[in-house]
Each structure stands twice: as structure tokens, then as C-alpha cells.
Amino acid sequence: MKRISSVTQKGQVTIPQVVREKLGIKYGDKVAFSFNEEGQVIIDRVSTDLDELYGILSDKKSSTPLEEERKLSREWIGEQKGRE
């Protein structure tokens, strides 16, 4: 069954819910548009490296005091600038 959406003045189209669910598209996701040999439009969800990293960090706070972390960050930035 075909799903129909209208194009806004800005060229935006709402992807129907059934299509979003089928492709696993959620709010904030990126989509890619391409064409197959017959000229039909192909829509794919674009996964980013961040998608694979989501949730791997623990909720534990660092044991390093904030001022020490800031000092280490400034030192690291200074080292990176020295490599330029």
C-alpha cells in the first residue's frame, strides 16, 4: 500500500510512521536518498559511529577532581597545539 505525504514550501516531507518504523528511523536520525537503476528513490537510515557508541559509557563519575581534569585538559590542548 502506498503512503502519500505533501511537500512543504521548504521542500520538507513527513516520512509516514509505518515507513519510519520499517526503516528504524527515530527523531534526530539522518536519512540518505539515492536512486536505483529504474530511477526509483531509495531511502536508508544513516548510522553514525556515535550510534554504535551509545550507552558504552558508565554513569559513574570520575574520581579525578574537576580542577585536576581541567588542568590535564589544558596541558593536553597545549601539547596538541605544539604539534601543529
PDB file of N, CA and C in Angstrom:
ATOM      1  N   MET A   1       0.831  -1.175   0.000  1.00  0.00           N
ATOM      2  CA  MET A   1       0.000   0.000   0.000  1.00  0.00           C
ATOM      3  C   MET A   1       0.881   1.245   0.000  1.00  0.00           C
ATOM      4  N   LYS A   2       0.565   2.201  -0.847  1.00  0.00           N
ATOM      5  CA  LYS A   2       1.344   3.440  -0.921  1.00  0.00           C
ATOM      6  C   LYS A   2       0.958   4.378   0.204  1.00  0.00           C
ATOM      7  N   ARG A   3       1.940   5.120   0.682  1.00  0.00           N
ATOM      8  CA  ARG A   3       1.724   6.164   1.686  1.00  0.00           C
ATOM      9  C   ARG A   3       2.019   7.492   0.992  1.00  0.00           C
ATOM     10  N   ILE A   4       1.192   8.486   1.189  1.00  0.00           N
ATOM     11  CA  ILE A   4       1.342   9.769   0.492  1.00  0.00           C
ATOM     12  C   ILE A   4       1.582  10.876   1.507  1.00  0.00           C
ATOM     13  N   SER A   5       2.560  11.747   1.218  1.00  0.00           N
ATOM     14  CA  SER A   5       2.851  12.928   2.029  1.00  0.00           C
ATOM     15  C   SER A   5       2.936  14.125   1.108  1.00  0.00           C
ATOM     16  N   SER A   6       2.669  15.295   1.652  1.00  0.00           N
ATOM     17  CA  SER A   6       2.779  16.546   0.895  1.00  0.00           C
ATOM     18  C   SER A   6       4.136  17.179   1.136  1.00  0.00           C
ATOM     19  N   VAL A   7       4.597  17.948   0.164  1.00  0.00           N
ATOM     20  CA  VAL A   7       5.863  18.666   0.275  1.00  0.00           C
ATOM     21  C   VAL A   7       5.553  20.093   0.732  1.00  0.00           C
ATOM     22  N   THR A   8       6.260  20.571   1.763  1.00  0.00           N
ATOM     23  CA  THR A   8       6.062  21.935   2.257  1.00  0.00           C
ATOM     24  C   THR A   8       6.799  22.925   1.364  1.00  0.00           C
ATOM     25  N   GLN A   9       6.592  24.223   1.619  1.00  0.00           N
ATOM     26  CA  GLN A   9       7.289  25.262   0.853  1.00  0.00           C
ATOM     27  C   GLN A   9       8.799  25.147   0.992  1.00  0.00           C
ATOM     28  N   LYS A  10       9.263  24.610   2.102  1.00  0.00           N
ATOM     29  CA  LYS A  10      10.703  24.451   2.336  1.00  0.00           C
ATOM     30  C   LYS A  10      11.236  23.147   1.753  1.00  0.00           C
ATOM     31  N   GLY A  11      10.387  22.376   1.076  1.00  0.00           N
ATOM     32  CA  GLY A  11      10.830  21.116   0.490  1.00  0.00           C
ATOM     33  C   GLY A  11      10.848  19.971   1.489  1.00  0.00           C
ATOM     34  N   GLN A  12      10.200  20.134   2.631  1.00  0.00           N
ATOM     35  CA  GLN A  12      10.191  19.102   3.660  1.00  0.00           C
ATOM     36  C   GLN A  12       9.007  18.160   3.459  1.00  0.00           C
ATOM     37  N   VAL A  13       9.233  16.900   3.790  1.00  0.00           N
ATOM     38  CA  VAL A  13       8.202  15.878   3.688  1.00  0.00           C
ATOM     39  C   VAL A  13       8.209  15.073   4.975  1.00  0.00           C
ATOM     40  N   THR A  14       7.038  14.768   5.494  1.00  0.00           N
ATOM     41  CA  THR A  14       6.940  13.899   6.661  1.00  0.00           C
ATOM     42  C   THR A  14       6.990  12.460   6.189  1.00  0.00           C
ATOM     43  N   ILE A  15       7.923  11.695   6.741  1.00  0.00           N
ATOM     44  CA  ILE A  15       8.008  10.271   6.400  1.00  0.00           C
ATOM     45  C   ILE A  15       6.921   9.565   7.205  1.00  0.00           C
ATOM     46  N   PRO A  16       6.021   8.866   6.536  1.00  0.00           N
ATOM     47  CA  PRO A  16       4.932   8.204   7.260  1.00  0.00           C
ATOM     48  C   PRO A  16       5.452   7.266   8.357  1.00  0.00           C
ATOM     49  N   GLN A  17       4.676   7.164   9.434  1.00  0.00           N
ATOM     50  CA  GLN A  17       5.070   6.379  10.595  1.00  0.00           C
ATOM     51  C   GLN A  17       5.410   4.944  10.240  1.00  0.00           C
ATOM     52  N   VAL A  18       4.608   4.308   9.404  1.00  0.00           N
ATOM     53  CA  VAL A  18       4.854   2.904   9.051  1.00  0.00           C
ATOM     54  C   VAL A  18       6.205   2.754   8.347  1.00  0.00           C
ATOM     55  N   VAL A  19       6.595   3.752   7.546  1.00  0.00           N
ATOM     56  CA  VAL A  19       7.886   3.712   6.845  1.00  0.00           C
ATOM     57  C   VAL A  19       9.018   3.928   7.846  1.00  0.00           C
ATOM     58  N   ARG A  20       8.840   4.901   8.749  1.00  0.00           N
ATOM     59  CA  ARG A  20       9.871   5.143   9.779  1.00  0.00           C
ATOM     60  C   ARG A  20      10.093   3.904  10.626  1.00  0.00           C
ATOM     61  N   GLU A  21       9.008   3.258  11.011  1.00  0.00           N
ATOM     62  CA  GLU A  21       9.135   2.050  11.831  1.00  0.00           C
ATOM     63  C   GLU A  21       9.845   0.943  11.074  1.00  0.00           C
ATOM     64  N   LYS A  22       9.493   0.758   9.810  1.00  0.00           N
ATOM     65  CA  LYS A  22      10.104  -0.297   8.989  1.00  0.00           C
ATOM     66  C   LYS A  22      11.609  -0.068   8.825  1.00  0.00           C
ATOM     67  N   LEU A  23      12.017   1.212   8.677  1.00  0.00           N
ATOM     68  CA  LEU A  23      13.436   1.543   8.488  1.00  0.00           C
ATOM     69  C   LEU A  23      14.169   1.782   9.809  1.00  0.00           C
ATOM     70  N   GLY A  24      13.437   1.800  10.922  1.00  0.00           N
ATOM     71  CA  GLY A  24      14.072   2.046  12.218  1.00  0.00           C
ATOM     72  C   GLY A  24      14.500   3.488  12.393  1.00  0.00           C
ATOM     73  N   ILE A  25      13.787   4.422  11.747  1.00  0.00           N
ATOM     74  CA  ILE A  25      14.127   5.841  11.820  1.00  0.00           C
ATOM     75  C   ILE A  25      13.430   6.458  13.024  1.00  0.00           C
ATOM     76  N   LYS A  26      14.234   7.165  13.839  1.00  0.00           N
ATOM     77  CA  LYS A  26      13.704   7.849  15.013  1.00  0.00           C
ATOM     78  C   LYS A  26      14.049   9.331  14.939  1.00  0.00           C
ATOM     79  N   TYR A  27      13.463  10.109  15.820  1.00  0.00           N
ATOM     80  CA  TYR A  27      13.733  11.552  15.883  1.00  0.00           C
ATOM     81  C   TYR A  27      15.243  11.808  15.944  1.00  0.00           C
ATOM     82  N   GLY A  28      15.716  12.720  15.125  1.00  0.00           N
ATOM     83  CA  GLY A  28      17.133  13.084  15.123  1.00  0.00           C
ATOM     84  C   GLY A  28      18.004  12.233  14.220  1.00  0.00           C
ATOM     85  N   ASP A  29      17.476  11.118  13.710  1.00  0.00           N
ATOM     86  CA  ASP A  29      18.253  10.268  12.808  1.00  0.00           C
ATOM     87  C   ASP A  29      18.481  10.970  11.476  1.00  0.00           C
ATOM     88  N   LYS A  30      19.487  10.547  10.773  1.00  0.00           N
ATOM     89  CA  LYS A  30      19.775  11.038   9.426  1.00  0.00           C
ATOM     90  C   LYS A  30      19.296   9.997   8.426  1.00  0.00           C
ATOM     91  N   VAL A  31      18.845  10.472   7.255  1.00  0.00           N
ATOM     92  CA  VAL A  31      18.435   9.565   6.194  1.00  0.00           C
ATOM     93  C   VAL A  31      19.189   9.922   4.916  1.00  0.00           C
ATOM     94  N   ALA A  32      19.450   8.913   4.100  1.00  0.00           N
ATOM     95  CA  ALA A  32      20.141   9.101   2.822  1.00  0.00           C
ATOM     96  C   ALA A  32      19.162   8.778   1.700  1.00  0.00           C
ATOM     97  N   PHE A  33      19.228   9.568   0.638  1.00  0.00           N
ATOM     98  CA  PHE A  33      18.400   9.358  -0.539  1.00  0.00           C
ATOM     99  C   PHE A  33      19.297   8.984  -1.707  1.00  0.00           C
ATOM    100  N   SER A  34      18.919   7.954  -2.441  1.00  0.00           N
ATOM    101  CA  SER A  34      19.656   7.545  -3.635  1.00  0.00           C
ATOM    102  C   SER A  34      18.646   7.008  -4.643  1.00  0.00           C
ATOM    103  N   PHE A  35      19.131   6.661  -5.824  1.00  0.00           N
ATOM    104  CA  PHE A  35      18.277   6.133  -6.881  1.00  0.00           C
ATOM    105  C   PHE A  35      18.773   4.761  -7.302  1.00  0.00           C
ATOM    106  N   ASN A  36      17.850   3.873  -7.635  1.00  0.00           N
ATOM    107  CA  ASN A  36      18.249   2.589  -8.200  1.00  0.00           C
ATOM    108  C   ASN A  36      18.269   2.702  -9.726  1.00  0.00           C
ATOM    109  N   GLU A  37      18.561   1.596 -10.420  1.00  0.00           N
ATOM    110  CA  GLU A  37      18.686   1.630 -11.881  1.00  0.00           C
ATOM    111  C   GLU A  37      17.394   2.049 -12.584  1.00  0.00           C
ATOM    112  N   GLU A  38      16.254   1.781 -11.954  1.00  0.00           N
ATOM    113  CA  GLU A  38      14.965   2.140 -12.557  1.00  0.00           C
ATOM    114  C   GLU A  38      14.572   3.584 -12.267  1.00  0.00           C
ATOM    115  N   GLY A  39      15.412   4.311 -11.521  1.00  0.00           N
ATOM    116  CA  GLY A  39      15.124   5.700 -11.189  1.00  0.00           C
ATOM    117  C   GLY A  39      14.266   5.872  -9.953  1.00  0.00           C
ATOM    118  N   GLN A  40      14.010   4.780  -9.250  1.00  0.00           N
ATOM    119  CA  GLN A  40      13.221   4.873  -8.022  1.00  0.00           C
ATOM    120  C   GLN A  40      14.092   5.400  -6.884  1.00  0.00           C
ATOM    121  N   VAL A  41      13.465   6.153  -5.998  1.00  0.00           N
ATOM    122  CA  VAL A  41      14.187   6.722  -4.861  1.00  0.00           C
ATOM    123  C   VAL A  41      14.313   5.670  -3.767  1.00  0.00           C
ATOM    124  N   ILE A  42      15.512   5.557  -3.237  1.00  0.00           N
ATOM    125  CA  ILE A  42      15.797   4.653  -2.129  1.00  0.00           C
ATOM    126  C   ILE A  42      16.074   5.519  -0.900  1.00  0.00           C
ATOM    127  N   ILE A  43      15.427   5.201   0.214  1.00  0.00           N
ATOM    128  CA  ILE A  43      15.653   5.917   1.471  1.00  0.00           C
ATOM    129  C   ILE A  43      16.252   4.938   2.469  1.00  0.00           C
ATOM    130  N   ASP A  44      17.372   5.325   3.056  1.00  0.00           N
ATOM    131  CA  ASP A  44      18.038   4.488   4.057  1.00  0.00           C
ATOM    132  C   ASP A  44      18.329   5.309   5.302  1.00  0.00           C
ATOM    133  N   ARG A  45      18.258   4.671   6.443  1.00  0.00           N
ATOM    134  CA  ARG A  45      18.695   5.290   7.685  1.00  0.00           C
ATOM    135  C   ARG A  45      20.217   5.288   7.683  1.00  0.00           C
ATOM    136  N   VAL A  46      20.806   6.416   8.048  1.00  0.00           N
ATOM    137  CA  VAL A  46      22.259   6.525   8.104  1.00  0.00           C
ATOM    138  C   VAL A  46      22.692   6.346   9.542  1.00  0.00           C
ATOM    139  N   SER A  47      23.500   5.311   9.798  1.00  0.00           N
ATOM    140  CA  SER A  47      24.022   5.148  11.150  1.00  0.00           C
ATOM    141  C   SER A  47      25.372   5.840  11.225  1.00  0.00           C
ATOM    142  N   THR A  48      25.623   6.425  12.365  1.00  0.00           N
ATOM    143  CA  THR A  48      26.896   7.108  12.587  1.00  0.00           C
ATOM    144  C   THR A  48      27.693   6.314  13.609  1.00  0.00           C
ATOM    145  N   ASP A  49      28.952   6.623  13.716  1.00  0.00           N
ATOM    146  CA  ASP A  49      29.778   5.960  14.714  1.00  0.00           C
ATOM    147  C   ASP A  49      29.209   6.172  16.115  1.00  0.00           C
ATOM    148  N   LEU A  50      28.577   7.326  16.333  1.00  0.00           N
ATOM    149  CA  LEU A  50      28.014   7.609  17.646  1.00  0.00           C
ATOM    150  C   LEU A  50      26.882   6.657  17.984  1.00  0.00           C
ATOM    151  N   ASP A  51      26.133   6.219  16.957  1.00  0.00           N
ATOM    152  CA  ASP A  51      25.060   5.264  17.201  1.00  0.00           C
ATOM    153  C   ASP A  51      25.610   3.988  17.831  1.00  0.00           C
ATOM    154  N   GLU A  52      26.762   3.542  17.350  1.00  0.00           N
ATOM    155  CA  GLU A  52      27.345   2.319  17.891  1.00  0.00           C
ATOM    156  C   GLU A  52      27.937   2.537  19.283  1.00  0.00           C
ATOM    157  N   LEU A  53      28.309   3.773  19.600  1.00  0.00           N
ATOM    158  CA  LEU A  53      28.934   4.068  20.885  1.00  0.00           C
ATOM    159  C   LEU A  53      27.926   4.350  21.989  1.00  0.00           C
ATOM    160  N   TYR A  54      26.663   4.601  21.614  1.00  0.00           N
ATOM    161  CA  TYR A  54      25.658   4.979  22.598  1.00  0.00           C
ATOM    162  C   TYR A  54      25.568   3.945  23.725  1.00  0.00           C
ATOM    163  N   GLY A  55      25.645   4.429  24.933  1.00  0.00           N
ATOM    164  CA  GLY A  55      25.442   3.576  26.094  1.00  0.00           C
ATOM    165  C   GLY A  55      26.681   2.869  26.620  1.00  0.00           C
ATOM    166  N   ILE A  56      27.843   3.027  25.963  1.00  0.00           N
ATOM    167  CA  ILE A  56      29.010   2.293  26.447  1.00  0.00           C
ATOM    168  C   ILE A  56      29.667   2.966  27.648  1.00  0.00           C
ATOM    169  N   LEU A  57      29.398   4.257  27.826  1.00  0.00           N
ATOM    170  CA  LEU A  57      29.984   4.948  28.965  1.00  0.00           C
ATOM    171  C   LEU A  57      29.141   4.681  30.198  1.00  0.00           C
ATOM    172  N   SER A  58      29.811   4.478  31.304  1.00  0.00           N
ATOM    173  CA  SER A  58      29.078   4.209  32.538  1.00  0.00           C
ATOM    174  C   SER A  58      28.570   5.525  33.117  1.00  0.00           C
ATOM    175  N   ASP A  59      27.668   5.420  34.047  1.00  0.00           N
ATOM    176  CA  ASP A  59      27.133   6.595  34.725  1.00  0.00           C
ATOM    177  C   ASP A  59      28.017   7.020  35.893  1.00  0.00           C
ATOM    178  N   LYS A  60      29.118   6.300  36.111  1.00  0.00           N
ATOM    179  CA  LYS A  60      29.990   6.606  37.236  1.00  0.00           C
ATOM    180  C   LYS A  60      30.730   7.914  36.978  1.00  0.00           C
ATOM    181  N   LYS A  61      30.876   8.688  38.031  1.00  0.00           N
ATOM    182  CA  LYS A  61      31.605   9.946  37.923  1.00  0.00           C
ATOM    183  C   LYS A  61      33.095   9.676  38.085  1.00  0.00           C
ATOM    184  N   SER A  62      33.892  10.546  37.490  1.00  0.00           N
ATOM    185  CA  SER A  62      35.339  10.428  37.585  1.00  0.00           C
ATOM    186  C   SER A  62      35.780  10.674  39.023  1.00  0.00           C
ATOM    187  N   SER A  63      36.799   9.941  39.428  1.00  0.00           N
ATOM    188  CA  SER A  63      37.342  10.155  40.775  1.00  0.00           C
ATOM    189  C   SER A  63      38.335  11.309  40.782  1.00  0.00           C
ATOM    190  N   THR A  64      38.687  11.813  39.593  1.00  0.00           N
ATOM    191  CA  THR A  64      39.617  12.930  39.490  1.00  0.00           C
ATOM    192  C   THR A  64      38.870  14.226  39.770  1.00  0.00           C
ATOM    193  N   PRO A  65      39.387  15.068  40.665  1.00  0.00           N
ATOM    194  CA  PRO A  65      38.723  16.348  40.949  1.00  0.00           C
ATOM    195  C   PRO A  65      38.611  17.200  39.683  1.00  0.00           C
ATOM    196  N   LEU A  66      37.554  18.002  39.606  1.00  0.00           N
ATOM    197  CA  LEU A  66      37.274  18.802  38.421  1.00  0.00           C
ATOM    198  C   LEU A  66      38.440  19.712  38.046  1.00  0.00           C
ATOM    199  N   GLU A  67      39.031  20.369  39.016  1.00  0.00           N
ATOM    200  CA  GLU A  67      40.147  21.273  38.713  1.00  0.00           C
ATOM    201  C   GLU A  67      41.337  20.512  38.125  1.00  0.00           C
ATOM    202  N   GLU A  68      41.581  19.301  38.603  1.00  0.00           N
ATOM    203  CA  GLU A  68      42.668  18.476  38.059  1.00  0.00           C
ATOM    204  C   GLU A  68      42.362  18.087  36.612  1.00  0.00           C
ATOM    205  N   GLU A  69      41.084  17.737  36.337  1.00  0.00           N
ATOM    206  CA  GLU A  69      40.698  17.392  34.969  1.00  0.00           C
ATOM    207  C   GLU A  69      40.878  18.586  34.040  1.00  0.00           C
ATOM    208  N   ARG A  70      40.522  19.778  34.523  1.00  0.00           N
ATOM    209  CA  ARG A  70      40.700  21.000  33.720  1.00  0.00           C
ATOM    210  C   ARG A  70      42.178  21.241  33.427  1.00  0.00           C
ATOM    211  N   LYS A  71      43.019  21.051  34.446  1.00  0.00           N
ATOM    212  CA  LYS A  71      44.466  21.255  34.278  1.00  0.00           C
ATOM    213  C   LYS A  71      45.018  20.280  33.245  1.00  0.00           C
ATOM    214  N   LEU A  72      44.625  19.010  33.365  1.00  0.00           N
ATOM    215  CA  LEU A  72      45.092  17.999  32.412  1.00  0.00           C
ATOM    216  C   LEU A  72      44.609  18.306  30.995  1.00  0.00           C
ATOM    217  N   SER A  73      43.384  18.800  30.889  1.00  0.00           N
ATOM    218  CA  SER A  73      42.836  19.156  29.574  1.00  0.00           C
ATOM    219  C   SER A  73      43.617  20.299  28.949  1.00  0.00           C
ATOM    220  N   ARG A  74      43.926  21.326  29.741  1.00  0.00           N
ATOM    221  CA  ARG A  74      44.707  22.462  29.229  1.00  0.00           C
ATOM    222  C   ARG A  74      46.088  22.004  28.776  1.00  0.00           C
ATOM    223  N   GLU A  75      46.710  21.133  29.543  1.00  0.00           N
ATOM    224  CA  GLU A  75      48.033  20.616  29.170  1.00  0.00           C
ATOM    225  C   GLU A  75      47.956  19.834  27.861  1.00  0.00           C
ATOM    226  N   TRP A  76      46.932  18.999  27.726  1.00  0.00           N
ATOM    227  CA  TRP A  76      46.786  18.193  26.512  1.00  0.00           C
ATOM    228  C   TRP A  76      46.563  19.099  25.303  1.00  0.00           C
ATOM    229  N   ILE A  77      45.722  20.133  25.458  1.00  0.00           N
ATOM    230  CA  ILE A  77      45.477  21.076  24.354  1.00  0.00           C
ATOM    231  C   ILE A  77      46.759  21.780  23.972  1.00  0.00           C
ATOM    232  N   GLY A  78      47.547  22.178  24.968  1.00  0.00           N
ATOM    233  CA  GLY A  78      48.829  22.836  24.697  1.00  0.00           C
ATOM    234  C   GLY A  78      49.766  21.926  23.917  1.00  0.00           C
ATOM    235  N   GLU A  79      49.792  20.642  24.264  1.00  0.00           N
ATOM    236  CA  GLU A  79      50.637  19.678  23.541  1.00  0.00           C
ATOM    237  C   GLU A  79      50.163  19.535  22.079  1.00  0.00           C
ATOM    238  N   GLN A  80      48.842  19.504  21.878  1.00  0.00           N
ATOM    239  CA  GLN A  80      48.307  19.361  20.523  1.00  0.00           C
ATOM    240  C   GLN A  80      48.642  20.571  19.663  1.00  0.00           C
ATOM    241  N   LYS A  81      48.578  21.751  20.260  1.00  0.00           N
ATOM    242  CA  LYS A  81      48.918  22.984  19.521  1.00  0.00           C
ATOM    243  C   LYS A  81      50.399  22.992  19.160  1.00  0.00           C
ATOM    244  N   GLY A  82      51.239  22.431  20.027  1.00  0.00           N
ATOM    245  CA  GLY A  82      52.674  22.383  19.761  1.00  0.00           C
ATOM    246  C   GLY A  82      53.024  21.465  18.601  1.00  0.00           C
ATOM    247  N   ARG A  83      52.136  20.538  18.251  1.00  0.00           N
ATOM    248  CA  ARG A  83      52.384  19.604  17.148  1.00  0.00           C
ATOM    249  C   ARG A  83      52.060  20.197  15.793  1.00  0.00           C
ATOM    250  N   GLU A  84      51.356  21.330  15.783  1.00  0.00           N
ATOM    251  CA  GLU A  84      50.935  21.941  14.506  1.00  0.00           C
ATOM    252  C   GLU A  84      52.093  22.531  13.744  1.00  0.00           C
TER     253      GLU A  84
END
